[in-house]
Amino acid sequence: MPKVTINEERCRGCELCTTACPKHIISLSKKLNAAGYHPAEVTDQSQCLACAMCARMCPHVAITVEK
C-alpha cells in the first residue's frame, strides 16, 4: 500500500500538491505549523496511487512517497 508522508514543518501551504494529486486526496490542514502556515495533509491514504506527482511539485521538498 502506498504511503505519502508530509513533513509539516517544511510545508509552506502553497497548495501545489493539492492541485497535482490526480485523486484529490491532499488538502490543507486547519492547524498551523511552527512557521504559521497551514501544512498539507493526506485525507485518504487508501486512495493514493503512488504516482508521486505531489512530491515532484513540492518546492520545499516536504513530501515523500513510498510504494
PDB file of N, CA and C in Angstrom:
ATOM      1  N   MET A   1       0.836  -1.182   0.000  1.00  0.00           N
ATOM      2  CA  MET A   1       0.000   0.000   0.000  1.00  0.00           C
ATOM      3  C   MET A   1       0.885   1.251   0.000  1.00  0.00           C
ATOM      4  N   PRO A   2       0.644   2.173  -0.912  1.00  0.00           N
ATOM      5  CA  PRO A   2       1.439   3.403  -0.977  1.00  0.00           C
ATOM      6  C   PRO A   2       1.253   4.262   0.268  1.00  0.00           C
ATOM      7  N   LYS A   3       2.303   5.015   0.588  1.00  0.00           N
ATOM      8  CA  LYS A   3       2.231   5.889   1.757  1.00  0.00           C
ATOM      9  C   LYS A   3       2.838   7.243   1.423  1.00  0.00           C
ATOM     10  N   VAL A   4       2.076   8.298   1.675  1.00  0.00           N
ATOM     11  CA  VAL A   4       2.540   9.665   1.486  1.00  0.00           C
ATOM     12  C   VAL A   4       2.846  10.238   2.862  1.00  0.00           C
ATOM     13  N   THR A   5       4.045  10.790   3.002  1.00  0.00           N
ATOM     14  CA  THR A   5       4.434  11.428   4.254  1.00  0.00           C
ATOM     15  C   THR A   5       4.739  12.883   3.964  1.00  0.00           C
ATOM     16  N   ILE A   6       4.110  13.768   4.728  1.00  0.00           N
ATOM     17  CA  ILE A   6       4.321  15.202   4.552  1.00  0.00           C
ATOM     18  C   ILE A   6       4.986  15.746   5.806  1.00  0.00           C
ATOM     19  N   ASN A   7       6.151  16.357   5.629  1.00  0.00           N
ATOM     20  CA  ASN A   7       6.850  16.990   6.735  1.00  0.00           C
ATOM     21  C   ASN A   7       6.159  18.321   6.995  1.00  0.00           C
ATOM     22  N   GLU A   8       5.350  18.361   8.040  1.00  0.00           N
ATOM     23  CA  GLU A   8       4.521  19.534   8.313  1.00  0.00           C
ATOM     24  C   GLU A   8       5.339  20.791   8.583  1.00  0.00           C
ATOM     25  N   GLU A   9       6.521  20.648   9.132  1.00  0.00           N
ATOM     26  CA  GLU A   9       7.338  21.826   9.442  1.00  0.00           C
ATOM     27  C   GLU A   9       8.009  22.414   8.193  1.00  0.00           C
ATOM     28  N   ARG A  10       8.219  21.611   7.171  1.00  0.00           N
ATOM     29  CA  ARG A  10       8.797  22.125   5.922  1.00  0.00           C
ATOM     30  C   ARG A  10       7.739  22.697   4.993  1.00  0.00           C
ATOM     31  N   CYS A  11       6.513  22.244   5.143  1.00  0.00           N
ATOM     32  CA  CYS A  11       5.418  22.649   4.264  1.00  0.00           C
ATOM     33  C   CYS A  11       5.073  24.119   4.473  1.00  0.00           C
ATOM     34  N   ARG A  12       4.886  24.844   3.360  1.00  0.00           N
ATOM     35  CA  ARG A  12       4.537  26.258   3.419  1.00  0.00           C
ATOM     36  C   ARG A  12       3.112  26.527   2.935  1.00  0.00           C
ATOM     37  N   GLY A  13       2.351  25.470   2.726  1.00  0.00           N
ATOM     38  CA  GLY A  13       0.941  25.626   2.358  1.00  0.00           C
ATOM     39  C   GLY A  13       0.714  26.254   0.992  1.00  0.00           C
ATOM     40  N   CYS A  14       1.589  26.007   0.054  1.00  0.00           N
ATOM     41  CA  CYS A  14       1.479  26.623  -1.283  1.00  0.00           C
ATOM     42  C   CYS A  14       0.370  25.999  -2.131  1.00  0.00           C
ATOM     43  N   GLU A  15      -0.093  24.819  -1.756  1.00  0.00           N
ATOM     44  CA  GLU A  15      -1.178  24.090  -2.421  1.00  0.00           C
ATOM     45  C   GLU A  15      -0.822  23.505  -3.784  1.00  0.00           C
ATOM     46  N   LEU A  16       0.438  23.512  -4.181  1.00  0.00           N
ATOM     47  CA  LEU A  16       0.810  22.900  -5.455  1.00  0.00           C
ATOM     48  C   LEU A  16       0.536  21.401  -5.442  1.00  0.00           C
ATOM     49  N   CYS A  17       0.741  20.760  -4.301  1.00  0.00           N
ATOM     50  CA  CYS A  17       0.490  19.318  -4.197  1.00  0.00           C
ATOM     51  C   CYS A  17      -1.001  19.006  -4.290  1.00  0.00           C
ATOM     52  N   THR A  18      -1.840  19.887  -3.781  1.00  0.00           N
ATOM     53  CA  THR A  18      -3.280  19.633  -3.812  1.00  0.00           C
ATOM     54  C   THR A  18      -3.804  19.649  -5.241  1.00  0.00           C
ATOM     55  N   THR A  19      -3.236  20.491  -6.078  1.00  0.00           N
ATOM     56  CA  THR A  19      -3.675  20.545  -7.474  1.00  0.00           C
ATOM     57  C   THR A  19      -3.017  19.460  -8.323  1.00  0.00           C
ATOM     58  N   ALA A  20      -1.843  18.988  -7.896  1.00  0.00           N
ATOM     59  CA  ALA A  20      -1.130  17.966  -8.666  1.00  0.00           C
ATOM     60  C   ALA A  20      -1.684  16.563  -8.447  1.00  0.00           C
ATOM     61  N   CYS A  21      -2.302  16.317  -7.321  1.00  0.00           N
ATOM     62  CA  CYS A  21      -2.793  14.978  -6.993  1.00  0.00           C
ATOM     63  C   CYS A  21      -3.979  14.601  -7.881  1.00  0.00           C
ATOM     64  N   PRO A  22      -3.854  13.521  -8.663  1.00  0.00           N
ATOM     65  CA  PRO A  22      -4.954  13.119  -9.544  1.00  0.00           C
ATOM     66  C   PRO A  22      -6.172  12.591  -8.791  1.00  0.00           C
ATOM     67  N   LYS A  23      -5.990  12.151  -7.553  1.00  0.00           N
ATOM     68  CA  LYS A  23      -7.101  11.632  -6.750  1.00  0.00           C
ATOM     69  C   LYS A  23      -7.672  12.691  -5.804  1.00  0.00           C
ATOM     70  N   HIS A  24      -7.044  13.845  -5.740  1.00  0.00           N
ATOM     71  CA  HIS A  24      -7.504  14.956  -4.882  1.00  0.00           C
ATOM     72  C   HIS A  24      -7.651  14.529  -3.422  1.00  0.00           C
ATOM     73  N   ILE A  25      -6.620  13.837  -2.924  1.00  0.00           N
ATOM     74  CA  ILE A  25      -6.654  13.358  -1.535  1.00  0.00           C
ATOM     75  C   ILE A  25      -5.747  14.177  -0.620  1.00  0.00           C
ATOM     76  N   ILE A  26      -5.226  15.298  -1.116  1.00  0.00           N
ATOM     77  CA  ILE A  26      -4.387  16.173  -0.303  1.00  0.00           C
ATOM     78  C   ILE A  26      -5.100  17.508  -0.149  1.00  0.00           C
ATOM     79  N   SER A  27      -5.141  17.983   1.075  1.00  0.00           N
ATOM     80  CA  SER A  27      -5.754  19.287   1.348  1.00  0.00           C
ATOM     81  C   SER A  27      -4.928  19.980   2.428  1.00  0.00           C
ATOM     82  N   LEU A  28      -5.235  21.234   2.668  1.00  0.00           N
ATOM     83  CA  LEU A  28      -4.531  21.961   3.714  1.00  0.00           C
ATOM     84  C   LEU A  28      -5.189  21.693   5.066  1.00  0.00           C
ATOM     85  N   SER A  29      -4.357  21.531   6.056  1.00  0.00           N
ATOM     86  CA  SER A  29      -4.814  21.282   7.416  1.00  0.00           C
ATOM     87  C   SER A  29      -5.372  22.568   8.026  1.00  0.00           C
ATOM     88  N   LYS A  30      -6.207  22.417   9.020  1.00  0.00           N
ATOM     89  CA  LYS A  30      -6.732  23.576   9.743  1.00  0.00           C
ATOM     90  C   LYS A  30      -5.736  24.077  10.791  1.00  0.00           C
ATOM     91  N   LYS A  31      -4.804  23.196  11.208  1.00  0.00           N
ATOM     92  CA  LYS A  31      -3.822  23.596  12.210  1.00  0.00           C
ATOM     93  C   LYS A  31      -2.641  24.318  11.551  1.00  0.00           C
ATOM     94  N   LEU A  32      -1.885  25.037  12.355  1.00  0.00           N
ATOM     95  CA  LEU A  32      -0.726  25.781  11.883  1.00  0.00           C
ATOM     96  C   LEU A  32       0.561  25.069  12.297  1.00  0.00           C
ATOM     97  N   ASN A  33       1.590  25.186  11.451  1.00  0.00           N
ATOM     98  CA  ASN A  33       2.897  24.666  11.847  1.00  0.00           C
ATOM     99  C   ASN A  33       3.668  25.774  12.575  1.00  0.00           C
ATOM    100  N   ALA A  34       4.900  25.519  12.967  1.00  0.00           N
ATOM    101  CA  ALA A  34       5.688  26.478  13.747  1.00  0.00           C
ATOM    102  C   ALA A  34       5.945  27.780  12.989  1.00  0.00           C
ATOM    103  N   ALA A  35       5.959  27.723  11.658  1.00  0.00           N
ATOM    104  CA  ALA A  35       6.196  28.916  10.848  1.00  0.00           C
ATOM    105  C   ALA A  35       4.907  29.699  10.581  1.00  0.00           C
ATOM    106  N   GLY A  36       3.762  29.169  11.025  1.00  0.00           N
ATOM    107  CA  GLY A  36       2.499  29.869  10.859  1.00  0.00           C
ATOM    108  C   GLY A  36       1.742  29.545   9.585  1.00  0.00           C
ATOM    109  N   TYR A  37       2.121  28.457   8.913  1.00  0.00           N
ATOM    110  CA  TYR A  37       1.446  28.030   7.689  1.00  0.00           C
ATOM    111  C   TYR A  37       0.495  26.873   7.976  1.00  0.00           C
ATOM    112  N   HIS A  38      -0.510  26.730   7.147  1.00  0.00           N
ATOM    113  CA  HIS A  38      -1.387  25.562   7.202  1.00  0.00           C
ATOM    114  C   HIS A  38      -0.737  24.489   6.326  1.00  0.00           C
ATOM    115  N   PRO A  39      -0.172  23.441   6.910  1.00  0.00           N
ATOM    116  CA  PRO A  39       0.503  22.415   6.107  1.00  0.00           C
ATOM    117  C   PRO A  39      -0.496  21.504   5.386  1.00  0.00           C
ATOM    118  N   ALA A  40      -0.016  20.883   4.344  1.00  0.00           N
ATOM    119  CA  ALA A  40      -0.832  19.925   3.600  1.00  0.00           C
ATOM    120  C   ALA A  40      -0.974  18.648   4.418  1.00  0.00           C
ATOM    121  N   GLU A  41      -2.069  17.924   4.181  1.00  0.00           N
ATOM    122  CA  GLU A  41      -2.288  16.637   4.813  1.00  0.00           C
ATOM    123  C   GLU A  41      -3.020  15.716   3.842  1.00  0.00           C
ATOM    124  N   VAL A  42      -2.809  14.425   4.011  1.00  0.00           N
ATOM    125  CA  VAL A  42      -3.472  13.431   3.176  1.00  0.00           C
ATOM    126  C   VAL A  42      -4.783  13.059   3.853  1.00  0.00           C
ATOM    127  N   THR A  43      -5.867  13.144   3.108  1.00  0.00           N
ATOM    128  CA  THR A  43      -7.179  12.864   3.680  1.00  0.00           C
ATOM    129  C   THR A  43      -7.560  11.391   3.595  1.00  0.00           C
ATOM    130  N   ASP A  44      -7.005  10.651   2.609  1.00  0.00           N
ATOM    131  CA  ASP A  44      -7.354   9.231   2.462  1.00  0.00           C
ATOM    132  C   ASP A  44      -6.187   8.474   1.836  1.00  0.00           C
ATOM    133  N   GLN A  45      -5.301   7.939   2.676  1.00  0.00           N
ATOM    134  CA  GLN A  45      -4.127   7.197   2.189  1.00  0.00           C
ATOM    135  C   GLN A  45      -4.501   6.027   1.285  1.00  0.00           C
ATOM    136  N   SER A  46      -5.629   5.407   1.522  1.00  0.00           N
ATOM    137  CA  SER A  46      -6.017   4.217   0.764  1.00  0.00           C
ATOM    138  C   SER A  46      -6.281   4.518  -0.711  1.00  0.00           C
ATOM    139  N   GLN A  47      -6.522   5.761  -1.048  1.00  0.00           N
ATOM    140  CA  GLN A  47      -6.780   6.145  -2.438  1.00  0.00           C
ATOM    141  C   GLN A  47      -5.511   6.521  -3.204  1.00  0.00           C
ATOM    142  N   CYS A  48      -4.376   6.579  -2.519  1.00  0.00           N
ATOM    143  CA  CYS A  48      -3.115   7.007  -3.137  1.00  0.00           C
ATOM    144  C   CYS A  48      -2.660   6.024  -4.216  1.00  0.00           C
ATOM    145  N   LEU A  49      -2.230   6.577  -5.352  1.00  0.00           N
ATOM    146  CA  LEU A  49      -1.735   5.775  -6.469  1.00  0.00           C
ATOM    147  C   LEU A  49      -0.216   5.626  -6.460  1.00  0.00           C
ATOM    148  N   ALA A  50       0.470   6.342  -5.580  1.00  0.00           N
ATOM    149  CA  ALA A  50       1.932   6.390  -5.513  1.00  0.00           C
ATOM    150  C   ALA A  50       2.531   6.958  -6.790  1.00  0.00           C
ATOM    151  N   CYS A  51       1.832   7.879  -7.415  1.00  0.00           N
ATOM    152  CA  CYS A  51       2.334   8.500  -8.640  1.00  0.00           C
ATOM    153  C   CYS A  51       3.428   9.522  -8.337  1.00  0.00           C
ATOM    154  N   ALA A  52       3.465  10.018  -7.109  1.00  0.00           N
ATOM    155  CA  ALA A  52       4.454  10.973  -6.625  1.00  0.00           C
ATOM    156  C   ALA A  52       4.386  12.339  -7.302  1.00  0.00           C
ATOM    157  N   MET A  53       3.279  12.654  -7.917  1.00  0.00           N
ATOM    158  CA  MET A  53       3.114  13.984  -8.518  1.00  0.00           C
ATOM    159  C   MET A  53       3.177  15.060  -7.435  1.00  0.00           C
ATOM    160  N   CYS A  54       2.640  14.770  -6.272  1.00  0.00           N
ATOM    161  CA  CYS A  54       2.672  15.737  -5.169  1.00  0.00           C
ATOM    162  C   CYS A  54       4.110  16.037  -4.764  1.00  0.00           C
ATOM    163  N   ALA A  55       4.927  15.004  -4.644  1.00  0.00           N
ATOM    164  CA  ALA A  55       6.322  15.174  -4.242  1.00  0.00           C
ATOM    165  C   ALA A  55       7.118  15.920  -5.308  1.00  0.00           C
ATOM    166  N   ARG A  56       6.837  15.659  -6.563  1.00  0.00           N
ATOM    167  CA  ARG A  56       7.541  16.350  -7.653  1.00  0.00           C
ATOM    168  C   ARG A  56       7.203  17.837  -7.701  1.00  0.00           C
ATOM    169  N   MET A  57       5.989  18.172  -7.350  1.00  0.00           N
ATOM    170  CA  MET A  57       5.542  19.563  -7.402  1.00  0.00           C
ATOM    171  C   MET A  57       5.975  20.380  -6.189  1.00  0.00           C
ATOM    172  N   CYS A  58       6.330  19.732  -5.092  1.00  0.00           N
ATOM    173  CA  CYS A  58       6.628  20.434  -3.847  1.00  0.00           C
ATOM    174  C   CYS A  58       7.961  21.186  -3.921  1.00  0.00           C
ATOM    175  N   PRO A  59       7.920  22.527  -3.903  1.00  0.00           N
ATOM    176  CA  PRO A  59       9.158  23.301  -3.990  1.00  0.00           C
ATOM    177  C   PRO A  59       9.980  23.273  -2.700  1.00  0.00           C
ATOM    178  N   HIS A  60       9.391  22.811  -1.608  1.00  0.00           N
ATOM    179  CA  HIS A  60      10.090  22.781  -0.322  1.00  0.00           C
ATOM    180  C   HIS A  60      10.533  21.371   0.076  1.00  0.00           C
ATOM    181  N   VAL A  61      10.369  20.417  -0.821  1.00  0.00           N
ATOM    182  CA  VAL A  61      10.778  19.021  -0.616  1.00  0.00           C
ATOM    183  C   VAL A  61      10.216  18.499   0.717  1.00  0.00           C
ATOM    184  N   ALA A  62       8.944  18.728   0.931  1.00  0.00           N
ATOM    185  CA  ALA A  62       8.295  18.344   2.178  1.00  0.00           C
ATOM    186  C   ALA A  62       7.533  17.021   2.070  1.00  0.00           C
ATOM    187  N   ILE A  63       7.493  16.430   0.868  1.00  0.00           N
ATOM    188  CA  ILE A  63       6.668  15.230   0.656  1.00  0.00           C
ATOM    189  C   ILE A  63       7.517  14.065   0.181  1.00  0.00           C
ATOM    190  N   THR A  64       7.295  12.899   0.779  1.00  0.00           N
ATOM    191  CA  THR A  64       7.898  11.656   0.302  1.00  0.00           C
ATOM    192  C   THR A  64       6.784  10.655   0.038  1.00  0.00           C
ATOM    193  N   VAL A  65       7.001   9.823  -0.975  1.00  0.00           N
ATOM    194  CA  VAL A  65       6.010   8.812  -1.343  1.00  0.00           C
ATOM    195  C   VAL A  65       6.711   7.467  -1.383  1.00  0.00           C
ATOM    196  N   GLU A  66       6.148   6.493  -0.677  1.00  0.00           N
ATOM    197  CA  GLU A  66       6.670   5.142  -0.670  1.00  0.00           C
ATOM    198  C   GLU A  66       5.680   4.213  -1.339  1.00  0.00           C
ATOM    199  N   LYS A  67       6.184   3.325  -2.170  1.00  0.00           N
ATOM    200  CA  LYS A  67       5.323   2.361  -2.843  1.00  0.00           C
ATOM    201  C   LYS A  67       5.173   1.113  -2.017  1.00  0.00           C
TER     202      LYS A  67
END
